Amino acid sequence: MTHISMKEIRDSLPEEKNRADSLWTRYILRPLSVPVAWLCLRWGLRANTVSYLSALICVFAALLFGSASLGGAIIGALLFNMFAVLDCADGNMARATGTTGPYGAWADAIGGYVAYVTVLLSLGYAAAVRNALFFAWEPDGNVWVLLGGVAAASNILMRLAFQSYRNIAPEGKAEAKKSIGLEKLLSENLGVTGVLMPALFVALLAGGLGYVMIFYTVFYGLGCVLVLLKLIRKVEHVSRKK
């Protein structure tokens, strides 16, 4: 059992990281994650364990969110939001216990990638199950499932392309990250660690899953194209100099 106070957990967050967080994370998720991190430490859990647990929660959330039962779908939406809190808690735990490192970052990334896939795929499936509308358009259920797949694939491809570029970036990893500052800002605020999770819950209750699905298909689809074009331009610019 680790005896670390909530104040120590709260104070372990670097100001730079706090500023980089989305508004939803900074003012909602991060404060909620402090007592969760404290409780997990009291139970003797490791930060990596919480990362893996959060990934499993996403899988269960996706299965429930896409179910025909409204009660099950509501529980799924709540579990997705629980993931978002745990996604902050694992980092809090690692910093407070001085156990940060590349292996912890890898475990945290696995949780994130599972979320990027399961959230969007289940959103498309849920829209199909509930015969979602987009204004007067009522597409076939397979269309919603396809859009969920496109959104998930675009999100993952965009992130993998950038991570691969960071490993070879001639300007260094820190500068490479700054080069997509606007894209990262939008992704942080509108994505899994931003308003996407609460939007799932609201859209489910308000009958607006179709609108959310269309928005994120366009958001991640265009984002992927723009990031790929920017990275291709950078790579070609450097390669032609050699």
C-alpha atoms as a PDB file:
ATOM      1  CA  MET A   1       0.000   0.000   0.000  1.00  0.00           C
ATOM      2  CA  THR A   2       1.441   3.380  -1.036  1.00  0.00           C
ATOM      3  CA  HIS A   3       0.831   6.273   1.361  1.00  0.00           C
ATOM      4  CA  ILE A   4       0.740   9.268  -0.945  1.00  0.00           C
ATOM      5  CA  SER A   5      -1.630  12.145  -0.290  1.00  0.00           C
ATOM      6  CA  MET A   6      -4.038  13.611  -2.806  1.00  0.00           C
ATOM      7  CA  LYS A   7      -2.115  16.888  -2.549  1.00  0.00           C
ATOM      8  CA  GLU A   8       1.086  15.111  -3.599  1.00  0.00           C
ATOM      9  CA  ILE A   9      -0.745  13.559  -6.532  1.00  0.00           C
ATOM     10  CA  ARG A  10      -2.212  16.917  -7.532  1.00  0.00           C
ATOM     11  CA  ASP A  11       1.148  18.697  -7.196  1.00  0.00           C
ATOM     12  CA  SER A  12       2.942  16.074  -9.307  1.00  0.00           C
ATOM     13  CA  LEU A  13       1.307  17.388 -12.492  1.00  0.00           C
ATOM     14  CA  PRO A  14       3.767  19.662 -14.344  1.00  0.00           C
ATOM     15  CA  GLU A  15       2.334  23.053 -15.231  1.00  0.00           C
ATOM     16  CA  GLU A  16       3.403  22.585 -18.852  1.00  0.00           C
ATOM     17  CA  LYS A  17       1.364  19.378 -19.140  1.00  0.00           C
ATOM     18  CA  ASN A  18      -1.598  21.020 -17.446  1.00  0.00           C
ATOM     19  CA  ARG A  19      -1.555  23.819 -20.025  1.00  0.00           C
ATOM     20  CA  ALA A  20      -1.319  21.278 -22.863  1.00  0.00           C
ATOM     21  CA  ASP A  21      -4.398  19.381 -21.667  1.00  0.00           C
ATOM     22  CA  SER A  22      -7.766  19.928 -23.298  1.00  0.00           C
ATOM     23  CA  LEU A  23     -10.202  22.159 -21.433  1.00  0.00           C
ATOM     24  CA  TRP A  24     -12.380  19.146 -20.612  1.00  0.00           C
ATOM     25  CA  THR A  25      -9.369  17.282 -19.193  1.00  0.00           C
ATOM     26  CA  ARG A  26      -8.042  20.278 -17.286  1.00  0.00           C
ATOM     27  CA  TYR A  27     -11.251  21.278 -15.554  1.00  0.00           C
ATOM     28  CA  ILE A  28     -13.228  18.014 -15.364  1.00  0.00           C
ATOM     29  CA  LEU A  29     -11.193  14.851 -15.908  1.00  0.00           C
ATOM     30  CA  ARG A  30      -7.993  15.842 -14.138  1.00  0.00           C
ATOM     31  CA  PRO A  31      -9.711  16.904 -10.866  1.00  0.00           C
ATOM     32  CA  LEU A  32     -11.796  13.702 -10.909  1.00  0.00           C
ATOM     33  CA  SER A  33      -8.702  11.588 -11.548  1.00  0.00           C
ATOM     34  CA  VAL A  34      -6.870  12.721  -8.403  1.00  0.00           C
ATOM     35  CA  PRO A  35      -9.030  10.824  -5.865  1.00  0.00           C
ATOM     36  CA  VAL A  36      -9.233   7.884  -8.286  1.00  0.00           C
ATOM     37  CA  ALA A  37      -5.428   7.754  -8.495  1.00  0.00           C
ATOM     38  CA  TRP A  38      -5.184   8.025  -4.701  1.00  0.00           C
ATOM     39  CA  LEU A  39      -7.631   5.147  -4.246  1.00  0.00           C
ATOM     40  CA  CYS A  40      -5.816   2.969  -6.786  1.00  0.00           C
ATOM     41  CA  LEU A  41      -2.522   3.565  -4.976  1.00  0.00           C
ATOM     42  CA  ARG A  42      -4.147   2.712  -1.646  1.00  0.00           C
ATOM     43  CA  TRP A  43      -5.260  -0.567  -3.202  1.00  0.00           C
ATOM     44  CA  GLY A  44      -1.683  -1.267  -4.257  1.00  0.00           C
ATOM     45  CA  LEU A  45      -2.288  -0.968  -7.992  1.00  0.00           C
ATOM     46  CA  ARG A  46       0.481   0.065 -10.384  1.00  0.00           C
ATOM     47  CA  ALA A  47       0.061   2.771 -13.005  1.00  0.00           C
ATOM     48  CA  ASN A  48       0.513   0.222 -15.807  1.00  0.00           C
ATOM     49  CA  THR A  49      -2.182  -1.978 -14.278  1.00  0.00           C
ATOM     50  CA  VAL A  50      -4.617   0.938 -14.416  1.00  0.00           C
ATOM     51  CA  SER A  51      -3.663   1.553 -18.069  1.00  0.00           C
ATOM     52  CA  TYR A  52      -4.445  -2.053 -18.981  1.00  0.00           C
ATOM     53  CA  LEU A  53      -7.644  -1.955 -16.919  1.00  0.00           C
ATOM     54  CA  SER A  54      -8.777   1.172 -18.757  1.00  0.00           C
ATOM     55  CA  ALA A  55      -8.285  -0.616 -22.100  1.00  0.00           C
ATOM     56  CA  LEU A  56     -10.463  -3.518 -20.931  1.00  0.00           C
ATOM     57  CA  ILE A  57     -13.116  -1.072 -19.753  1.00  0.00           C
ATOM     58  CA  CYS A  58     -13.188   0.417 -23.261  1.00  0.00           C
ATOM     59  CA  VAL A  59     -13.833  -2.995 -24.788  1.00  0.00           C
ATOM     60  CA  PHE A  60     -16.722  -3.690 -22.410  1.00  0.00           C
ATOM     61  CA  ALA A  61     -18.022  -0.148 -22.942  1.00  0.00           C
ATOM     62  CA  ALA A  62     -18.067  -0.667 -26.711  1.00  0.00           C
ATOM     63  CA  LEU A  63     -20.033  -3.914 -26.418  1.00  0.00           C
ATOM     64  CA  LEU A  64     -22.617  -2.259 -24.176  1.00  0.00           C
ATOM     65  CA  PHE A  65     -22.825   1.015 -26.096  1.00  0.00           C
ATOM     66  CA  GLY A  66     -23.671  -0.831 -29.294  1.00  0.00           C
ATOM     67  CA  SER A  67     -26.348  -2.987 -27.669  1.00  0.00           C
ATOM     68  CA  ALA A  68     -30.051  -2.664 -28.433  1.00  0.00           C
ATOM     69  CA  SER A  69     -30.800  -2.069 -24.756  1.00  0.00           C
ATOM     70  CA  LEU A  70     -30.933   1.625 -23.853  1.00  0.00           C
ATOM     71  CA  GLY A  71     -29.889   0.809 -20.302  1.00  0.00           C
ATOM     72  CA  GLY A  72     -26.891  -1.141 -21.559  1.00  0.00           C
ATOM     73  CA  ALA A  73     -25.947   1.662 -23.944  1.00  0.00           C
ATOM     74  CA  ILE A  74     -26.113   4.208 -21.112  1.00  0.00           C
ATOM     75  CA  ILE A  75     -23.819   2.040 -18.988  1.00  0.00           C
ATOM     76  CA  GLY A  76     -21.469   1.778 -21.974  1.00  0.00           C
ATOM     77  CA  ALA A  77     -21.372   5.568 -22.344  1.00  0.00           C
ATOM     78  CA  LEU A  78     -20.634   5.923 -18.630  1.00  0.00           C
ATOM     79  CA  LEU A  79     -17.828   3.357 -18.892  1.00  0.00           C
ATOM     80  CA  PHE A  80     -16.284   5.286 -21.785  1.00  0.00           C
ATOM     81  CA  ASN A  81     -16.233   8.350 -19.555  1.00  0.00           C
ATOM     82  CA  MET A  82     -14.732   6.247 -16.762  1.00  0.00           C
ATOM     83  CA  PHE A  83     -11.932   5.326 -19.169  1.00  0.00           C
ATOM     84  CA  ALA A  84     -11.233   9.024 -19.704  1.00  0.00           C
ATOM     85  CA  VAL A  85     -10.796   9.513 -15.951  1.00  0.00           C
ATOM     86  CA  LEU A  86      -8.539   6.452 -15.634  1.00  0.00           C
ATOM     87  CA  ASP A  87      -6.507   7.702 -18.601  1.00  0.00           C
ATOM     88  CA  CYS A  88      -5.559  10.662 -16.430  1.00  0.00           C
ATOM     89  CA  ALA A  89      -5.241   8.642 -13.218  1.00  0.00           C
ATOM     90  CA  ASP A  90      -2.502   6.308 -14.481  1.00  0.00           C
ATOM     91  CA  GLY A  91      -0.245   9.239 -15.317  1.00  0.00           C
ATOM     92  CA  ASN A  92      -0.971  10.830 -11.940  1.00  0.00           C
ATOM     93  CA  MET A  93       0.053   7.593 -10.234  1.00  0.00           C
ATOM     94  CA  ALA A  94       3.276   7.238 -12.206  1.00  0.00           C
ATOM     95  CA  ARG A  95       4.357  10.821 -11.529  1.00  0.00           C
ATOM     96  CA  ALA A  96       3.449  10.709  -7.840  1.00  0.00           C
ATOM     97  CA  THR A  97       5.381   7.461  -7.294  1.00  0.00           C
ATOM     98  CA  GLY A  98       8.330   8.410  -9.505  1.00  0.00           C
ATOM     99  CA  THR A  99       7.750   5.470 -11.840  1.00  0.00           C
ATOM    100  CA  THR A 100       7.382   7.318 -15.142  1.00  0.00           C
ATOM    101  CA  GLY A 101       9.298   5.930 -18.090  1.00  0.00           C
ATOM    102  CA  PRO A 102       9.055   4.537 -21.626  1.00  0.00           C
ATOM    103  CA  TYR A 103       7.297   1.343 -20.528  1.00  0.00           C
ATOM    104  CA  GLY A 104       4.626   3.300 -18.708  1.00  0.00           C
ATOM    105  CA  ALA A 105       4.208   5.553 -21.733  1.00  0.00           C
ATOM    106  CA  TRP A 106       3.788   2.435 -23.880  1.00  0.00           C
ATOM    107  CA  ALA A 107       1.094   1.009 -21.582  1.00  0.00           C
ATOM    108  CA  ASP A 108      -0.708   4.355 -21.564  1.00  0.00           C
ATOM    109  CA  ALA A 109      -0.534   4.504 -25.369  1.00  0.00           C
ATOM    110  CA  ILE A 110      -2.059   1.020 -25.653  1.00  0.00           C
ATOM    111  CA  GLY A 111      -5.035   2.193 -23.609  1.00  0.00           C
ATOM    112  CA  GLY A 112      -5.363   5.210 -25.862  1.00  0.00           C
ATOM    113  CA  TYR A 113      -5.242   3.216 -29.099  1.00  0.00           C
ATOM    114  CA  VAL A 114      -7.862   0.775 -27.820  1.00  0.00           C
ATOM    115  CA  ALA A 115     -10.084   3.757 -26.998  1.00  0.00           C
ATOM    116  CA  TYR A 116      -9.555   5.397 -30.407  1.00  0.00           C
ATOM    117  CA  VAL A 117     -10.778   2.231 -32.119  1.00  0.00           C
ATOM    118  CA  THR A 118     -13.547   1.030 -29.808  1.00  0.00           C
ATOM    119  CA  VAL A 119     -15.224   4.402 -29.266  1.00  0.00           C
ATOM    120  CA  LEU A 120     -15.647   5.210 -32.951  1.00  0.00           C
ATOM    121  CA  LEU A 121     -16.524   1.684 -34.077  1.00  0.00           C
ATOM    122  CA  SER A 122     -19.152   1.353 -31.357  1.00  0.00           C
ATOM    123  CA  LEU A 123     -20.507   4.813 -32.209  1.00  0.00           C
ATOM    124  CA  GLY A 124     -21.096   3.701 -35.797  1.00  0.00           C
ATOM    125  CA  TYR A 125     -22.647   0.422 -34.700  1.00  0.00           C
ATOM    126  CA  ALA A 126     -24.882   2.157 -32.135  1.00  0.00           C
ATOM    127  CA  ALA A 127     -26.060   4.607 -34.805  1.00  0.00           C
ATOM    128  CA  ALA A 128     -26.993   1.624 -36.980  1.00  0.00           C
ATOM    129  CA  VAL A 129     -28.791  -0.212 -34.167  1.00  0.00           C
ATOM    130  CA  ARG A 130     -30.830   2.885 -33.296  1.00  0.00           C
ATOM    131  CA  ASN A 131     -31.620   3.812 -36.922  1.00  0.00           C
ATOM    132  CA  ALA A 132     -29.938   7.181 -36.490  1.00  0.00           C
ATOM    133  CA  LEU A 133     -30.840  10.141 -38.666  1.00  0.00           C
ATOM    134  CA  PHE A 134     -28.767  12.970 -40.092  1.00  0.00           C
ATOM    135  CA  PHE A 135     -31.377  15.667 -40.661  1.00  0.00           C
ATOM    136  CA  ALA A 136     -33.827  14.009 -43.114  1.00  0.00           C
ATOM    137  CA  TRP A 137     -31.323  11.361 -44.207  1.00  0.00           C
ATOM    138  CA  GLU A 138     -31.852   7.861 -42.788  1.00  0.00           C
ATOM    139  CA  PRO A 139     -29.068   5.737 -44.238  1.00  0.00           C
ATOM    140  CA  ASP A 140     -28.839   1.972 -44.169  1.00  0.00           C
ATOM    141  CA  GLY A 141     -27.273   0.646 -40.967  1.00  0.00           C
ATOM    142  CA  ASN A 142     -24.232  -0.581 -42.884  1.00  0.00           C
ATOM    143  CA  VAL A 143     -23.444   3.025 -43.795  1.00  0.00           C
ATOM    144  CA  TRP A 144     -23.148   3.996 -40.132  1.00  0.00           C
ATOM    145  CA  VAL A 145     -20.899   1.004 -39.442  1.00  0.00           C
ATOM    146  CA  LEU A 146     -18.730   1.987 -42.427  1.00  0.00           C
ATOM    147  CA  LEU A 147     -18.476   5.582 -41.196  1.00  0.00           C
ATOM    148  CA  GLY A 148     -17.407   4.346 -37.770  1.00  0.00           C
ATOM    149  CA  GLY A 149     -14.690   2.277 -39.425  1.00  0.00           C
ATOM    150  CA  VAL A 150     -13.526   5.198 -41.573  1.00  0.00           C
ATOM    151  CA  ALA A 151     -13.341   7.493 -38.545  1.00  0.00           C
ATOM    152  CA  ALA A 152     -11.429   4.924 -36.468  1.00  0.00           C
ATOM    153  CA  ALA A 153      -9.009   4.057 -39.289  1.00  0.00           C
ATOM    154  CA  SER A 154      -8.368   7.733 -40.067  1.00  0.00           C
ATOM    155  CA  ASN A 155      -7.640   8.499 -36.428  1.00  0.00           C
ATOM    156  CA  ILE A 156      -5.225   5.583 -36.029  1.00  0.00           C
ATOM    157  CA  LEU A 157      -3.477   6.190 -39.381  1.00  0.00           C
ATOM    158  CA  MET A 158      -2.965   9.865 -38.558  1.00  0.00           C
ATOM    159  CA  ARG A 159      -1.422   9.040 -35.176  1.00  0.00           C
ATOM    160  CA  LEU A 160       0.783   6.215 -36.438  1.00  0.00           C
ATOM    161  CA  ALA A 161       2.052   8.355 -39.323  1.00  0.00           C
ATOM    162  CA  PHE A 162       3.003  11.128 -36.923  1.00  0.00           C
ATOM    163  CA  GLN A 163       4.663   8.778 -34.403  1.00  0.00           C
ATOM    164  CA  SER A 164       6.696   7.219 -37.220  1.00  0.00           C
ATOM    165  CA  TYR A 165       7.741  10.675 -38.403  1.00  0.00           C
ATOM    166  CA  ARG A 166       8.788  11.700 -34.874  1.00  0.00           C
ATOM    167  CA  ASN A 167      11.266   8.807 -34.813  1.00  0.00           C
ATOM    168  CA  ILE A 168      13.113  10.183 -37.862  1.00  0.00           C
ATOM    169  CA  ALA A 169      12.360  13.904 -37.550  1.00  0.00           C
ATOM    170  CA  PRO A 170      15.548  15.862 -38.334  1.00  0.00           C
ATOM    171  CA  GLU A 171      14.308  18.768 -36.212  1.00  0.00           C
ATOM    172  CA  GLY A 172      13.915  16.550 -33.136  1.00  0.00           C
ATOM    173  CA  LYS A 173      10.861  15.061 -31.464  1.00  0.00           C
ATOM    174  CA  ALA A 174       9.905  18.207 -29.548  1.00  0.00           C
ATOM    175  CA  GLU A 175       9.937  20.409 -32.651  1.00  0.00           C
ATOM    176  CA  ALA A 176       8.099  17.751 -34.657  1.00  0.00           C
ATOM    177  CA  LYS A 177       5.331  17.843 -32.078  1.00  0.00           C
ATOM    178  CA  LYS A 178       5.087  21.620 -32.383  1.00  0.00           C
ATOM    179  CA  SER A 179       4.737  21.338 -36.159  1.00  0.00           C
ATOM    180  CA  ILE A 180       1.235  19.900 -35.805  1.00  0.00           C
ATOM    181  CA  GLY A 181       0.268  22.168 -32.927  1.00  0.00           C
ATOM    182  CA  LEU A 182      -3.122  23.172 -34.329  1.00  0.00           C
ATOM    183  CA  GLU A 183      -4.072  19.606 -35.243  1.00  0.00           C
ATOM    184  CA  LYS A 184      -3.036  18.390 -31.778  1.00  0.00           C
ATOM    185  CA  LEU A 185      -4.995  21.176 -30.074  1.00  0.00           C
ATOM    186  CA  LEU A 186      -8.157  20.267 -31.977  1.00  0.00           C
ATOM    187  CA  SER A 187      -7.667  16.549 -31.367  1.00  0.00           C
ATOM    188  CA  GLU A 188      -7.115  17.068 -27.641  1.00  0.00           C
ATOM    189  CA  ASN A 189     -10.219  19.214 -27.230  1.00  0.00           C
ATOM    190  CA  LEU A 190     -12.589  17.350 -29.551  1.00  0.00           C
ATOM    191  CA  GLY A 191     -11.301  13.784 -29.270  1.00  0.00           C
ATOM    192  CA  VAL A 192     -11.222  10.995 -26.701  1.00  0.00           C
ATOM    193  CA  THR A 193      -9.690  13.191 -23.990  1.00  0.00           C
ATOM    194  CA  GLY A 194     -11.971  16.073 -24.943  1.00  0.00           C
ATOM    195  CA  VAL A 195     -15.685  16.389 -25.554  1.00  0.00           C
ATOM    196  CA  LEU A 196     -16.169  13.131 -27.506  1.00  0.00           C
ATOM    197  CA  MET A 197     -16.855  11.021 -24.409  1.00  0.00           C
ATOM    198  CA  PRO A 198     -19.541  13.281 -22.879  1.00  0.00           C
ATOM    199  CA  ALA A 199     -20.955  13.840 -26.387  1.00  0.00           C
ATOM    200  CA  LEU A 200     -21.627  10.092 -26.651  1.00  0.00           C
ATOM    201  CA  PHE A 201     -23.761  10.197 -23.523  1.00  0.00           C
ATOM    202  CA  VAL A 202     -25.683  13.318 -24.543  1.00  0.00           C
ATOM    203  CA  ALA A 203     -26.211  12.137 -28.133  1.00  0.00           C
ATOM    204  CA  LEU A 204     -27.475   8.753 -26.962  1.00  0.00           C
ATOM    205  CA  LEU A 205     -30.143  10.331 -24.765  1.00  0.00           C
ATOM    206  CA  ALA A 206     -31.028  13.072 -27.274  1.00  0.00           C
ATOM    207  CA  GLY A 207     -31.191  10.807 -30.319  1.00  0.00           C
ATOM    208  CA  GLY A 208     -28.278  12.556 -31.996  1.00  0.00           C
ATOM    209  CA  LEU A 209     -25.838   9.696 -32.629  1.00  0.00           C
ATOM    210  CA  GLY A 210     -25.993  10.279 -36.387  1.00  0.00           C
ATOM    211  CA  TYR A 211     -24.854  13.879 -36.054  1.00  0.00           C
ATOM    212  CA  VAL A 212     -21.955  12.911 -33.796  1.00  0.00           C
ATOM    213  CA  MET A 213     -20.911  10.116 -36.171  1.00  0.00           C
ATOM    214  CA  ILE A 214     -20.938  12.374 -39.228  1.00  0.00           C
ATOM    215  CA  PHE A 215     -18.996  15.079 -37.394  1.00  0.00           C
ATOM    216  CA  TYR A 216     -16.218  12.760 -36.248  1.00  0.00           C
ATOM    217  CA  THR A 217     -15.972  10.998 -39.602  1.00  0.00           C
ATOM    218  CA  VAL A 218     -15.363  14.373 -41.262  1.00  0.00           C
ATOM    219  CA  PHE A 219     -13.157  15.584 -38.397  1.00  0.00           C
ATOM    220  CA  TYR A 220     -10.824  12.592 -38.375  1.00  0.00           C
ATOM    221  CA  GLY A 221     -10.989  12.029 -42.121  1.00  0.00           C
ATOM    222  CA  LEU A 222      -9.938  15.571 -42.983  1.00  0.00           C
ATOM    223  CA  GLY A 223      -7.476  15.648 -40.092  1.00  0.00           C
ATOM    224  CA  CYS A 224      -5.787  12.503 -41.378  1.00  0.00           C
ATOM    225  CA  VAL A 225      -5.477  13.890 -44.913  1.00  0.00           C
ATOM    226  CA  LEU A 226      -4.063  17.217 -43.700  1.00  0.00           C
ATOM    227  CA  VAL A 227      -1.535  15.614 -41.342  1.00  0.00           C
ATOM    228  CA  LEU A 228      -0.381  13.134 -44.002  1.00  0.00           C
ATOM    229  CA  LEU A 229       0.069  15.908 -46.568  1.00  0.00           C
ATOM    230  CA  LYS A 230       2.033  18.002 -44.079  1.00  0.00           C
ATOM    231  CA  LEU A 231       4.298  15.088 -43.125  1.00  0.00           C
ATOM    232  CA  ILE A 232       4.841  14.051 -46.759  1.00  0.00           C
ATOM    233  CA  ARG A 233       5.888  17.613 -47.590  1.00  0.00           C
ATOM    234  CA  LYS A 234       8.355  17.616 -44.681  1.00  0.00           C
ATOM    235  CA  VAL A 235       9.835  14.234 -45.581  1.00  0.00           C
ATOM    236  CA  GLU A 236      10.224  15.127 -49.257  1.00  0.00           C
ATOM    237  CA  HIS A 237      11.765  18.490 -48.392  1.00  0.00           C
ATOM    238  CA  VAL A 238      14.441  16.829 -46.245  1.00  0.00           C
ATOM    239  CA  SER A 239      15.063  13.849 -48.544  1.00  0.00           C
ATOM    240  CA  ARG A 240      15.676  16.081 -51.569  1.00  0.00           C
ATOM    241  CA  LYS A 241      18.400  17.936 -49.693  1.00  0.00           C
ATOM    242  CA  LYS A 242      20.431  14.749 -49.302  1.00  0.00           C
END
